[in-house]
Amino acid sequence: MRDVAAEQSERSAPARREALKEVLTQARGCVRCPELAATRRTVVFGAGNADADLMFIGEAPGASEDEQGIPFVGRAGKLLEKLLEEIGLQRTQVFIANTLKCRPPGNRDPLPVEIENCHEYLLRQVELIEPSVICTLGNFSTKLLRGDPTGITRLHGQPEVLVLGARAVRLYPIYHPAAALYTPRMLETLREDFSRLPELLAMGAPEQPPVQDFAEPPPALAEPSPQAAQESAEADQLGLF
């Protein structure tokens, strides 16, 4: 017998997708971080299946991502796609995002205030996409989402149940694919960690906190600019389907 929460989630899927597009529009008009707003080319909101069971979260967009508006489009992205294919998944079946939606100038580390300003967007993505498993890619996103300084070397390949905003997920830290590009021996470690993903996905989502109302966006998010509102129709290009 299907549980009530699963039925509610399925019935609300169209509403969740529409709400996610609203958050995309808000993010595109965000100017909370003046330096990032002034130097970015695009807001790299995220891309993939808006009902994905598996979500990947990296650090921040790089130059190629900033230019194209899509996360993980470089060599690391190609490796990520290859690793997914090895476990029978396609990029279109998952959702990929970053903790920051704008590229820091010169690819510097995100500042604490920038992380704080952008965190609500990420939490809303998790809440609305409803993944059962979230893979944090590398040290930065792992430490941020866990709220703990323990590094990826100790944590990779070890799943844990964690509540992010309104959503309980199986958090699964793994090395960033870029690590294997610079240190080839890391590729086998990545493959080993990826090989556990089908098992984790088969477990389904952990027990959830009380169901939230997805209809209204949180007041903390930025108001969209007129230009961002006009761009909302482009959401399908990011795979928000």
Protein backbone atom coordinates (compact mmCIF):
# COMPACT_ATOMS: atom_id res chain seq x y z
CA MET A 1 0.00 0.00 0.00
CA ARG A 2 1.30 3.45 -0.90
CA ASP A 3 1.63 5.88 1.96
CA VAL A 4 -0.29 9.13 2.11
CA ALA A 5 2.84 11.28 1.82
CA ALA A 6 3.80 9.61 -1.47
CA GLU A 7 0.32 10.19 -2.90
CA GLN A 8 0.36 13.83 -1.83
CA SER A 9 3.80 14.27 -3.41
CA GLU A 10 2.65 12.78 -6.71
CA ARG A 11 -0.51 14.89 -6.84
CA SER A 12 1.48 18.04 -6.13
CA ALA A 13 4.16 17.44 -8.79
CA PRO A 14 2.80 19.97 -11.34
CA ALA A 15 2.42 22.58 -8.62
CA ARG A 16 5.95 21.90 -7.41
CA ARG A 17 7.36 22.35 -10.90
CA GLU A 18 5.56 25.66 -11.30
CA ALA A 19 6.81 26.79 -7.91
CA LEU A 20 10.35 25.82 -8.92
CA LYS A 21 10.05 28.00 -12.02
CA GLU A 22 8.99 30.87 -9.78
CA VAL A 23 12.11 30.38 -7.66
CA LEU A 24 14.17 30.34 -10.87
CA THR A 25 12.65 33.69 -11.86
CA GLN A 26 13.42 35.11 -8.42
CA ALA A 27 17.01 33.88 -8.54
CA ARG A 28 17.57 35.45 -11.96
CA GLY A 29 16.60 38.83 -10.56
CA CYS A 30 18.56 38.46 -7.31
CA VAL A 31 20.95 41.26 -6.37
CA ARG A 32 21.58 40.28 -2.76
CA CYS A 33 25.33 39.97 -3.46
CA PRO A 34 26.25 43.21 -5.28
CA GLU A 35 29.64 41.97 -6.51
CA LEU A 36 28.25 38.73 -7.90
CA ALA A 37 25.26 40.47 -9.47
CA ALA A 38 27.59 42.96 -11.16
CA THR A 39 30.10 40.42 -12.51
CA ARG A 40 27.98 37.39 -13.45
CA ARG A 41 26.84 36.71 -17.00
CA THR A 42 24.02 34.43 -15.97
CA VAL A 43 22.46 32.95 -12.85
CA VAL A 44 23.27 29.24 -12.89
CA PHE A 45 20.17 27.99 -11.14
CA GLY A 46 20.55 24.28 -11.86
CA ALA A 47 19.39 21.84 -14.52
CA GLY A 48 17.76 18.45 -14.85
CA ASN A 49 14.62 16.59 -13.94
CA ALA A 50 12.48 18.66 -11.59
CA ASP A 51 11.12 15.40 -10.06
CA ALA A 52 14.51 13.71 -9.72
CA ASP A 53 15.15 11.16 -6.99
CA LEU A 54 18.86 11.97 -7.18
CA MET A 55 20.32 15.45 -6.83
CA PHE A 56 23.96 16.56 -7.06
CA ILE A 57 25.19 19.71 -5.34
CA GLY A 58 28.54 21.29 -6.10
CA GLU A 59 30.21 24.50 -4.98
CA ALA A 60 29.74 27.36 -7.45
CA PRO A 61 29.63 27.95 -11.21
CA GLY A 62 32.85 28.28 -13.17
CA ALA A 63 33.53 30.29 -16.31
CA SER A 64 31.84 27.86 -18.73
CA GLU A 65 28.81 27.50 -16.46
CA ASP A 66 28.53 31.27 -16.10
CA GLU A 67 28.60 31.64 -19.87
CA GLN A 68 26.08 28.89 -20.65
CA GLY A 69 23.86 29.12 -17.57
CA ILE A 70 24.06 25.36 -16.95
CA PRO A 71 26.05 23.64 -14.16
CA PHE A 72 28.79 21.11 -14.84
CA VAL A 73 29.28 21.65 -18.57
CA GLY A 74 33.07 21.31 -18.61
CA ARG A 75 35.37 18.30 -18.24
CA ALA A 76 34.11 17.55 -14.75
CA GLY A 77 30.57 17.53 -16.09
CA LYS A 78 31.49 15.09 -18.84
CA LEU A 79 33.04 12.77 -16.27
CA LEU A 80 29.94 13.05 -14.10
CA GLU A 81 27.79 12.02 -17.07
CA LYS A 82 30.09 9.05 -17.75
CA LEU A 83 29.91 7.88 -14.13
CA LEU A 84 26.12 8.15 -14.25
CA GLU A 85 25.98 6.09 -17.43
CA GLU A 86 28.07 3.38 -15.76
CA ILE A 87 25.29 2.88 -13.19
CA GLY A 88 22.51 3.04 -15.77
CA LEU A 89 21.46 6.68 -15.35
CA GLN A 90 21.36 9.66 -17.69
CA ARG A 91 21.94 13.29 -16.80
CA THR A 92 18.33 14.03 -17.73
CA GLN A 93 17.18 11.77 -14.87
CA VAL A 94 18.94 13.74 -12.13
CA PHE A 95 19.08 17.38 -11.02
CA ILE A 96 22.40 19.21 -10.71
CA ALA A 97 22.89 22.45 -8.80
CA ASN A 98 25.46 24.40 -6.81
CA THR A 99 25.43 26.00 -3.38
CA LEU A 100 26.00 29.36 -5.13
CA LYS A 101 24.01 30.35 -8.20
CA CYS A 102 26.48 33.00 -9.41
CA ARG A 103 30.15 32.65 -10.32
CA PRO A 104 32.52 34.27 -7.83
CA PRO A 105 34.97 36.55 -9.69
CA GLY A 106 38.12 34.69 -10.63
CA ASN A 107 36.61 31.48 -9.26
CA ARG A 108 37.51 32.56 -5.74
CA ASP A 109 35.93 30.75 -2.78
CA PRO A 110 32.39 31.88 -1.93
CA LEU A 111 32.22 34.35 0.94
CA PRO A 112 30.18 33.47 4.06
CA VAL A 113 27.68 36.27 3.33
CA GLU A 114 27.23 34.98 -0.23
CA ILE A 115 26.56 31.47 1.04
CA GLU A 116 24.00 32.82 3.48
CA ASN A 117 22.33 34.95 0.81
CA CYS A 118 22.01 32.02 -1.59
CA HIS A 119 21.18 29.24 0.84
CA GLU A 120 17.42 29.79 0.74
CA TYR A 121 17.37 29.16 -3.01
CA LEU A 122 19.10 25.81 -2.51
CA LEU A 123 16.74 24.80 0.29
CA ARG A 124 13.76 25.63 -1.89
CA GLN A 125 15.20 23.52 -4.70
CA VAL A 126 15.52 20.55 -2.34
CA GLU A 127 12.02 21.12 -0.99
CA LEU A 128 10.38 21.35 -4.40
CA ILE A 129 12.33 18.71 -6.32
CA GLU A 130 11.95 16.22 -3.45
CA PRO A 131 15.05 14.09 -4.04
CA SER A 132 15.51 11.01 -1.89
CA VAL A 133 19.33 11.07 -2.27
CA ILE A 134 21.58 14.13 -2.44
CA CYS A 135 25.21 13.71 -3.47
CA THR A 136 27.42 16.52 -2.25
CA LEU A 137 30.37 16.91 -4.60
CA GLY A 138 33.56 17.68 -2.73
CA ASN A 139 34.51 19.40 0.50
CA PHE A 140 32.67 22.68 0.16
CA SER A 141 29.10 21.51 -0.36
CA THR A 142 29.58 18.60 2.05
CA LYS A 143 30.68 20.84 4.90
CA LEU A 144 27.99 23.40 4.16
CA LEU A 145 25.03 21.01 4.03
CA ARG A 146 26.20 18.99 7.03
CA GLY A 147 27.04 22.09 9.05
CA ASP A 148 30.24 20.37 10.14
CA PRO A 149 33.93 20.86 9.25
CA THR A 150 34.65 17.15 8.69
CA GLY A 151 36.28 16.76 5.30
CA ILE A 152 35.31 14.69 2.29
CA THR A 153 38.28 12.33 2.74
CA ARG A 154 36.69 10.93 5.89
CA LEU A 155 33.07 11.14 4.77
CA HIS A 156 32.98 10.04 1.13
CA GLY A 157 30.83 7.02 0.42
CA GLN A 158 29.07 7.17 3.81
CA PRO A 159 25.35 7.98 3.54
CA GLU A 160 23.41 9.59 6.37
CA VAL A 161 19.87 10.84 6.85
CA LEU A 162 19.75 14.61 7.13
CA VAL A 163 16.98 17.21 7.16
CA LEU A 164 17.59 20.12 4.79
CA GLY A 165 14.99 22.79 5.28
CA ALA A 166 11.65 20.98 4.93
CA ARG A 167 13.06 17.82 3.32
CA ALA A 168 14.67 14.72 4.84
CA VAL A 169 17.18 13.14 2.44
CA ARG A 170 19.89 10.53 2.32
CA LEU A 171 22.99 12.69 2.07
CA TYR A 172 25.82 10.92 0.26
CA PRO A 173 29.14 12.80 0.10
CA ILE A 174 31.46 11.92 -2.78
CA TYR A 175 34.58 13.47 -4.25
CA HIS A 176 34.12 16.19 -6.82
CA PRO A 177 34.64 14.76 -10.34
CA ALA A 178 37.34 17.40 -10.89
CA ALA A 179 39.45 15.56 -8.31
CA ALA A 180 39.76 12.62 -10.69
CA LEU A 181 40.85 14.93 -13.51
CA TYR A 182 43.82 16.12 -11.48
CA THR A 183 44.47 12.88 -9.55
CA PRO A 184 43.72 9.87 -11.78
CA ARG A 185 43.79 7.37 -8.90
CA MET A 186 40.68 9.09 -7.55
CA LEU A 187 38.66 7.80 -10.48
CA GLU A 188 38.34 4.31 -9.02
CA THR A 189 37.26 5.77 -5.68
CA LEU A 190 34.59 7.78 -7.48
CA ARG A 191 33.44 4.68 -9.34
CA GLU A 192 33.17 2.72 -6.10
CA ASP A 193 31.11 5.46 -4.47
CA PHE A 194 28.87 5.80 -7.53
CA SER A 195 28.26 2.05 -7.55
CA ARG A 196 26.33 2.37 -4.27
CA LEU A 197 23.88 4.91 -5.64
CA PRO A 198 21.39 2.39 -7.12
CA GLU A 199 21.14 0.71 -3.71
CA LEU A 200 20.54 4.02 -1.95
CA LEU A 201 17.93 5.08 -4.49
CA ALA A 202 16.14 1.76 -4.10
CA MET A 203 15.70 2.50 -0.39
CA GLY A 204 13.50 5.47 -1.24
CA ALA A 205 13.22 8.65 0.78
CA PRO A 206 13.58 8.57 4.56
CA GLU A 207 10.65 9.46 6.80
CA GLN A 208 9.66 13.05 6.15
CA PRO A 209 8.86 16.01 8.41
CA PRO A 210 5.25 17.25 8.20
CA VAL A 211 4.21 18.04 4.61
CA GLN A 212 4.71 21.70 3.71
CA ASP A 213 2.57 23.88 1.48
CA PHE A 214 4.46 24.36 -1.81
CA ALA A 215 2.05 26.86 -3.28
CA GLU A 216 3.61 30.07 -1.91
CA PRO A 217 7.29 31.03 -2.29
CA PRO A 218 9.01 32.01 0.96
CA PRO A 219 9.05 35.75 1.64
CA ALA A 220 12.82 35.68 2.20
CA LEU A 221 13.52 35.19 -1.51
CA ALA A 222 14.28 38.19 -3.69
CA GLU A 223 11.62 39.84 -5.80
CA PRO A 224 12.22 39.14 -9.51
CA SER A 225 13.14 41.95 -11.85
CA PRO A 226 10.89 42.56 -14.90
CA GLN A 227 13.61 41.09 -17.13
CA ALA A 228 13.84 37.95 -14.98
CA ALA A 229 10.09 37.53 -15.08
CA GLN A 230 10.17 37.71 -18.87
CA GLU A 231 12.85 35.00 -18.91
CA SER A 232 10.79 32.57 -16.85
CA ALA A 233 9.45 31.00 -20.03
CA GLU A 234 12.98 29.76 -20.73
CA ALA A 235 12.87 27.39 -17.75
CA ASP A 236 12.22 24.38 -19.96
CA GLN A 237 15.65 24.88 -21.52
CA LEU A 238 17.15 23.97 -18.15
CA GLY A 239 15.18 20.75 -18.01
CA LEU A 240 12.63 21.89 -15.46
CA PHE A 241 10.10 19.38 -16.71
